[in-house]
Amino acid sequence: MNIELRHLRYFVAVAEELHFGRAAARLNISQPPLSQQIQILEHQIEARLFARTNRSVSLTEAGKQFLADSRQILLQVEDAAARAARLHQGETGELRIGFTSSAPFISAVSDTLSRFRRQYPDVHIQTRESNTREQIAPLSEGALDLGLMRKTHLPDTLEHQVILHEPLLAMVPRDHPLAQRESVTLAELVLEPLVFFDPHVGTGLYDDILGLLRRFGSPAITQEVGEAMTIIGLVSAGLGVSILPASFKRVQLNEMRWLPIADPEAVSEMWLVWAKHREQSQAASRFRQQLLAAVNGHFLPPKA
């Protein structure tokens, strides 16, 4: 059996018109080939679909059943084509994004997520909070489409683009002598007890910030924790000072102060990362474009 979709369309046209001439005109073909194709269809399914006389055409019982089924098949094909087109255009599907704990505090990231969700409500956005090191394998293996992470060493399988250079800020307890200053230096901070990340956590900030401090001495890490929010809480409790990117400044506690660091090299990079040799979905490509536009201060216009 080799029934083609055009056979079903021909049959439905004749069944709805109950006239071969009108059906041929509707299909923009001549009547003899249409009659021939209907005969081929009847032969293939081994059923008589039309009762024909010199004056009329009517559906047989088999024809009535085949009409209902044909309409359903054609509708399913149209739906399948529409779903495939929407998926290809990035209007449906799934977008899997990994991000470090600081990424949602960056306005360009949060604004892009919100705007993308409004523009493409049928795209399921799956966000996974992971530190920099934990994102590398899922990105390489295709479990994540995009990753937002801090500066780090990447394998050859991944590509990146710097989306943000943001200043590092010092955090000091409100009753600390440095809290009255307008700014501090790395040379001053290295002399203070430091609340910082556990080296085994895998955050990209660990090497960056400690590398800066070690230019001025050996930092004394008195508390090692796994999360940035824990660092903020411990500094507020008076257990030491710390350094985090400026995006965390959205967290304001009465017990601590954020201070600018005077050293010009006290900056941190946020990277957008993706697999170099994997085809990127249209949804991921759209999100990437919108995020880069947001970082540059210009959102892409809404999809027409």
Protein backbone atom coordinates (compact mmCIF):
# COMPACT_ATOMS: atom_id res chain seq x y z
CA MET A 1 0.00 0.00 0.00
CA ASN A 2 1.41 3.37 -1.06
CA ILE A 3 -1.18 5.97 -0.14
CA GLU A 4 0.11 9.52 -0.50
CA LEU A 5 -1.19 12.61 1.24
CA ARG A 6 -2.32 14.01 -2.10
CA HIS A 7 -4.61 10.99 -2.51
CA LEU A 8 -6.28 11.87 0.78
CA ARG A 9 -6.64 15.51 -0.24
CA TYR A 10 -8.13 14.50 -3.58
CA PHE A 11 -10.55 12.14 -1.87
CA VAL A 12 -11.65 14.74 0.71
CA ALA A 13 -12.29 17.32 -2.02
CA VAL A 14 -14.49 14.91 -3.99
CA ALA A 15 -16.25 13.73 -0.81
CA GLU A 16 -17.06 17.30 0.19
CA GLU A 17 -18.11 18.46 -3.27
CA LEU A 18 -19.75 15.17 -4.34
CA HIS A 19 -18.92 16.28 -7.86
CA PHE A 20 -15.73 15.42 -9.73
CA GLY A 21 -15.78 18.57 -11.85
CA ARG A 22 -16.13 20.96 -8.92
CA ALA A 23 -13.53 18.99 -6.92
CA ALA A 24 -11.08 19.18 -9.87
CA ALA A 25 -11.57 22.94 -10.12
CA ARG A 26 -11.07 23.30 -6.36
CA LEU A 27 -7.82 21.32 -6.58
CA ASN A 28 -6.74 23.19 -9.72
CA ILE A 29 -6.29 20.00 -11.72
CA SER A 30 -8.24 18.50 -14.62
CA GLN A 31 -11.03 15.99 -14.02
CA PRO A 32 -9.65 12.85 -15.75
CA PRO A 33 -6.46 12.65 -13.60
CA LEU A 34 -8.58 13.22 -10.50
CA SER A 35 -10.89 10.34 -11.38
CA GLN A 36 -7.87 8.17 -12.10
CA GLN A 37 -6.27 8.97 -8.70
CA ILE A 38 -9.50 8.15 -6.84
CA GLN A 39 -9.65 4.79 -8.65
CA ILE A 40 -6.02 4.11 -7.68
CA LEU A 41 -6.87 4.96 -4.05
CA GLU A 42 -9.87 2.63 -4.04
CA HIS A 43 -7.73 -0.12 -5.50
CA GLN A 44 -5.03 0.35 -2.88
CA ILE A 45 -7.38 0.23 0.10
CA GLU A 46 -9.55 -2.45 -1.55
CA ALA A 47 -12.76 -0.58 -0.84
CA ARG A 48 -15.30 1.29 -2.96
CA LEU A 49 -15.48 4.83 -1.61
CA PHE A 50 -18.01 6.43 -3.97
CA ALA A 51 -21.27 5.28 -5.49
CA ARG A 52 -21.34 6.83 -8.96
CA THR A 53 -24.18 7.27 -11.45
CA ASN A 54 -24.43 9.45 -14.54
CA ARG A 55 -26.16 12.11 -12.44
CA SER A 56 -24.75 11.85 -8.93
CA VAL A 57 -21.85 10.91 -6.71
CA SER A 58 -22.37 9.75 -3.13
CA LEU A 59 -20.24 8.24 -0.40
CA THR A 60 -20.45 4.57 0.44
CA GLU A 61 -20.36 3.51 4.09
CA ALA A 62 -16.66 2.76 3.64
CA GLY A 63 -16.26 6.20 2.08
CA LYS A 64 -17.92 7.91 5.05
CA GLN A 65 -15.54 6.18 7.44
CA PHE A 66 -12.54 6.91 5.25
CA LEU A 67 -13.56 10.58 5.05
CA ALA A 68 -13.55 10.96 8.84
CA ASP A 69 -10.20 9.21 9.10
CA SER A 70 -8.68 11.16 6.19
CA ARG A 71 -9.67 14.48 7.72
CA GLN A 72 -8.07 13.42 11.01
CA ILE A 73 -4.86 12.31 9.28
CA LEU A 74 -4.55 15.55 7.31
CA LEU A 75 -5.20 17.58 10.45
CA GLN A 76 -2.50 15.64 12.32
CA VAL A 77 -0.04 16.24 9.50
CA GLU A 78 -0.79 19.97 9.52
CA ASP A 79 -0.41 20.08 13.30
CA ALA A 80 2.86 18.16 13.12
CA ALA A 81 4.21 20.55 10.49
CA ALA A 82 3.14 23.57 12.53
CA ARG A 83 4.77 22.18 15.68
CA ALA A 84 7.99 21.45 13.81
CA ALA A 85 8.01 24.95 12.32
CA ARG A 86 7.43 26.60 15.70
CA LEU A 87 10.17 24.49 17.25
CA HIS A 88 12.56 25.40 14.43
CA GLN A 89 11.71 29.08 14.86
CA GLY A 90 12.35 28.93 18.60
CA GLU A 91 8.71 29.48 19.62
CA THR A 92 8.39 26.15 21.42
CA GLY A 93 10.69 23.54 22.91
CA GLU A 94 12.99 23.65 25.89
CA LEU A 95 15.77 26.03 26.85
CA ARG A 96 18.21 24.72 29.49
CA ILE A 97 20.35 27.34 31.17
CA GLY A 98 22.94 26.89 33.89
CA PHE A 99 23.89 29.87 36.00
CA THR A 100 26.01 30.77 38.97
CA SER A 101 24.35 32.14 42.09
CA SER A 102 25.24 35.72 41.14
CA ALA A 103 23.76 35.62 37.62
CA PRO A 104 20.12 36.35 38.64
CA PHE A 105 21.35 39.48 40.44
CA ILE A 106 22.62 40.89 37.13
CA SER A 107 19.81 43.03 35.74
CA ALA A 108 20.57 42.19 32.10
CA VAL A 109 20.19 38.46 32.90
CA SER A 110 17.00 38.76 34.96
CA ASP A 111 15.45 41.21 32.48
CA THR A 112 16.24 38.93 29.53
CA LEU A 113 14.75 35.90 31.28
CA SER A 114 11.58 37.83 32.02
CA ARG A 115 11.28 39.30 28.54
CA PHE A 116 12.02 36.00 26.80
CA ARG A 117 9.38 34.21 28.87
CA ARG A 118 6.78 36.83 27.89
CA GLN A 119 7.66 36.72 24.20
CA TYR A 120 7.89 32.93 23.95
CA PRO A 121 5.52 31.51 26.60
CA ASP A 122 5.53 28.06 24.97
CA VAL A 123 9.29 27.62 25.43
CA HIS A 124 9.94 25.75 28.67
CA ILE A 125 12.88 27.44 30.38
CA GLN A 126 14.75 25.09 32.69
CA THR A 127 17.22 26.91 34.91
CA ARG A 128 19.83 25.07 36.93
CA GLU A 129 21.88 26.86 39.57
CA SER A 130 25.41 25.46 39.43
CA ASN A 131 28.82 26.84 40.16
CA THR A 132 31.25 27.45 37.33
CA ARG A 133 33.00 24.09 37.52
CA GLU A 134 29.74 22.12 37.69
CA GLN A 135 28.45 23.62 34.43
CA ILE A 136 31.33 22.53 32.21
CA ALA A 137 30.44 18.83 31.78
CA PRO A 138 26.68 19.38 31.16
CA LEU A 139 27.48 22.02 28.55
CA SER A 140 29.96 19.75 26.78
CA GLU A 141 27.58 16.78 26.88
CA GLY A 142 24.54 18.74 25.68
CA ALA A 143 22.59 18.59 28.97
CA LEU A 144 22.71 22.41 29.07
CA ASP A 145 22.21 24.75 26.12
CA LEU A 146 23.80 27.81 27.68
CA GLY A 147 25.80 28.55 30.79
CA LEU A 148 26.36 31.74 32.76
CA MET A 149 29.56 31.46 34.72
CA ARG A 150 32.60 33.31 35.98
CA LYS A 151 35.94 33.40 34.22
CA THR A 152 37.56 29.98 34.21
CA HIS A 153 39.60 27.56 32.09
CA LEU A 154 37.35 25.97 29.47
CA PRO A 155 37.92 22.76 27.47
CA ASP A 156 38.20 22.95 23.69
CA THR A 157 34.60 21.74 23.39
CA LEU A 158 33.20 25.02 24.74
CA GLU A 159 33.02 28.56 23.42
CA HIS A 160 32.42 31.69 25.48
CA GLN A 161 31.65 35.36 25.22
CA VAL A 162 32.26 37.92 27.96
CA ILE A 163 28.93 39.56 28.71
CA LEU A 164 29.90 41.67 31.67
CA HIS A 165 32.86 43.19 33.47
CA GLU A 166 31.66 44.15 36.91
CA PRO A 167 33.56 45.65 39.83
CA LEU A 168 34.35 43.64 42.91
CA LEU A 169 33.10 45.11 46.18
CA ALA A 170 34.31 44.64 49.72
CA MET A 171 31.90 43.60 52.47
CA VAL A 172 32.66 44.63 56.01
CA PRO A 173 30.62 44.49 59.22
CA ARG A 174 29.00 47.84 60.01
CA ASP A 175 30.99 48.27 63.22
CA HIS A 176 34.32 47.49 61.52
CA PRO A 177 36.85 50.37 61.32
CA LEU A 178 36.88 50.10 57.51
CA ALA A 179 33.11 50.60 57.39
CA GLN A 180 33.56 54.36 57.76
CA ARG A 181 35.73 54.58 54.65
CA GLU A 182 34.54 55.66 51.21
CA SER A 183 36.60 52.88 49.63
CA VAL A 184 39.23 50.29 50.55
CA THR A 185 42.20 48.68 48.83
CA LEU A 186 43.18 45.07 48.30
CA ALA A 187 46.30 45.72 50.38
CA GLU A 188 44.05 46.63 53.32
CA LEU A 189 41.67 43.74 52.84
CA VAL A 190 44.43 41.10 52.75
CA LEU A 191 45.25 41.98 56.35
CA GLU A 192 41.72 41.18 57.56
CA PRO A 193 40.21 37.78 58.48
CA LEU A 194 38.47 36.61 55.32
CA VAL A 195 35.16 34.79 54.94
CA PHE A 196 35.31 33.05 51.59
CA PHE A 197 34.40 30.08 49.42
CA ASP A 198 35.58 26.58 50.12
CA PRO A 199 38.16 25.76 47.41
CA HIS A 200 36.37 22.47 46.66
CA VAL A 201 33.08 24.19 45.79
CA GLY A 202 34.24 24.99 42.25
CA THR A 203 33.26 28.64 41.94
CA GLY A 204 35.22 30.66 39.39
CA LEU A 205 35.46 33.53 41.88
CA TYR A 206 37.80 31.59 44.16
CA ASP A 207 40.90 31.75 41.97
CA ASP A 208 40.13 35.23 40.66
CA ILE A 209 39.72 36.97 43.99
CA LEU A 210 42.41 35.09 45.90
CA GLY A 211 44.79 35.71 43.01
CA LEU A 212 44.21 39.45 43.39
CA LEU A 213 44.69 39.36 47.17
CA ARG A 214 47.87 37.29 46.96
CA ARG A 215 49.55 40.12 45.09
CA PHE A 216 49.55 41.97 48.41
CA GLY A 217 50.16 39.15 50.88
CA SER A 218 48.72 35.88 52.16
CA PRO A 219 45.00 36.18 52.93
CA ALA A 220 43.90 34.53 56.17
CA ILE A 221 40.68 32.64 55.40
CA THR A 222 38.97 32.09 58.74
CA GLN A 223 35.66 30.73 57.41
CA GLU A 224 35.14 28.60 54.27
CA VAL A 225 31.59 28.18 52.99
CA GLY A 226 29.79 26.90 49.93
CA GLU A 227 27.40 29.73 49.04
CA ALA A 228 27.73 33.46 48.46
CA MET A 229 24.64 34.16 50.57
CA THR A 230 26.31 32.36 53.48
CA ILE A 231 29.33 34.61 53.07
CA ILE A 232 27.10 37.67 53.28
CA GLY A 233 25.41 36.30 56.38
CA LEU A 234 28.69 35.55 58.15
CA VAL A 235 30.14 38.97 57.34
CA SER A 236 26.97 40.54 58.75
CA ALA A 237 27.51 38.46 61.89
CA GLY A 238 30.96 40.03 62.28
CA LEU A 239 33.07 36.96 61.47
CA GLY A 240 35.28 38.73 58.96
CA VAL A 241 35.33 40.64 55.68
CA SER A 242 34.89 39.36 52.15
CA ILE A 243 34.79 40.31 48.46
CA LEU A 244 32.03 39.59 45.96
CA PRO A 245 30.95 40.95 42.54
CA ALA A 246 28.84 44.11 42.57
CA SER A 247 25.76 42.21 41.37
CA PHE A 248 25.35 40.90 44.93
CA LYS A 249 24.91 44.46 46.19
CA ARG A 250 21.17 43.97 45.74
CA VAL A 251 21.37 42.12 49.05
CA GLN A 252 21.33 44.86 51.67
CA LEU A 253 21.64 44.08 55.37
CA ASN A 254 21.80 46.63 58.16
CA GLU A 255 24.68 44.79 59.82
CA MET A 256 27.16 45.23 56.96
CA ARG A 257 28.38 47.69 54.34
CA TRP A 258 29.41 47.33 50.72
CA LEU A 259 32.53 49.33 49.86
CA PRO A 260 34.17 50.05 46.49
CA ILE A 261 37.68 48.67 46.01
CA ALA A 262 40.04 51.33 44.74
CA ASP A 263 42.29 48.95 42.78
CA PRO A 264 41.36 49.12 39.04
CA GLU A 265 42.07 45.39 38.55
CA ALA A 266 39.37 44.46 41.07
CA VAL A 267 36.85 43.35 38.47
CA SER A 268 35.14 40.07 37.62
CA GLU A 269 33.95 38.71 34.28
CA MET A 270 30.64 36.97 33.66
CA TRP A 271 30.73 34.60 30.69
CA LEU A 272 28.03 33.19 28.44
CA VAL A 273 29.18 29.69 27.46
CA TRP A 274 27.91 27.12 24.94
CA ALA A 275 29.09 23.95 23.21
CA LYS A 276 31.29 24.76 20.24
CA HIS A 277 30.42 21.80 18.00
CA ARG A 278 26.77 21.21 18.93
CA GLU A 279 23.98 22.70 16.86
CA GLN A 280 22.26 25.31 18.98
CA SER A 281 18.46 25.36 19.11
CA GLN A 282 16.68 28.40 17.77
CA ALA A 283 15.37 29.13 21.28
CA ALA A 284 18.92 29.13 22.67
CA SER A 285 20.10 31.31 19.80
CA ARG A 286 17.29 33.81 20.38
CA PHE A 287 18.01 33.97 24.11
CA ARG A 288 21.70 34.46 23.46
CA GLN A 289 20.99 37.34 21.05
CA GLN A 290 18.59 38.99 23.47
CA LEU A 291 20.99 38.70 26.39
CA LEU A 292 23.85 40.24 24.42
CA ALA A 293 21.53 43.04 23.29
CA ALA A 294 20.45 43.61 26.90
CA VAL A 295 24.04 43.74 28.06
CA ASN A 296 24.68 46.42 25.44
CA GLY A 297 21.64 48.31 26.67
CA HIS A 298 19.42 47.63 23.70
CA PHE A 299 16.76 44.93 23.76
CA LEU A 300 15.88 43.33 20.46
CA PRO A 301 12.41 44.35 19.22
CA PRO A 302 9.58 41.90 20.01
CA LYS A 303 8.87 39.24 17.42
CA ALA A 304 6.19 40.39 14.99
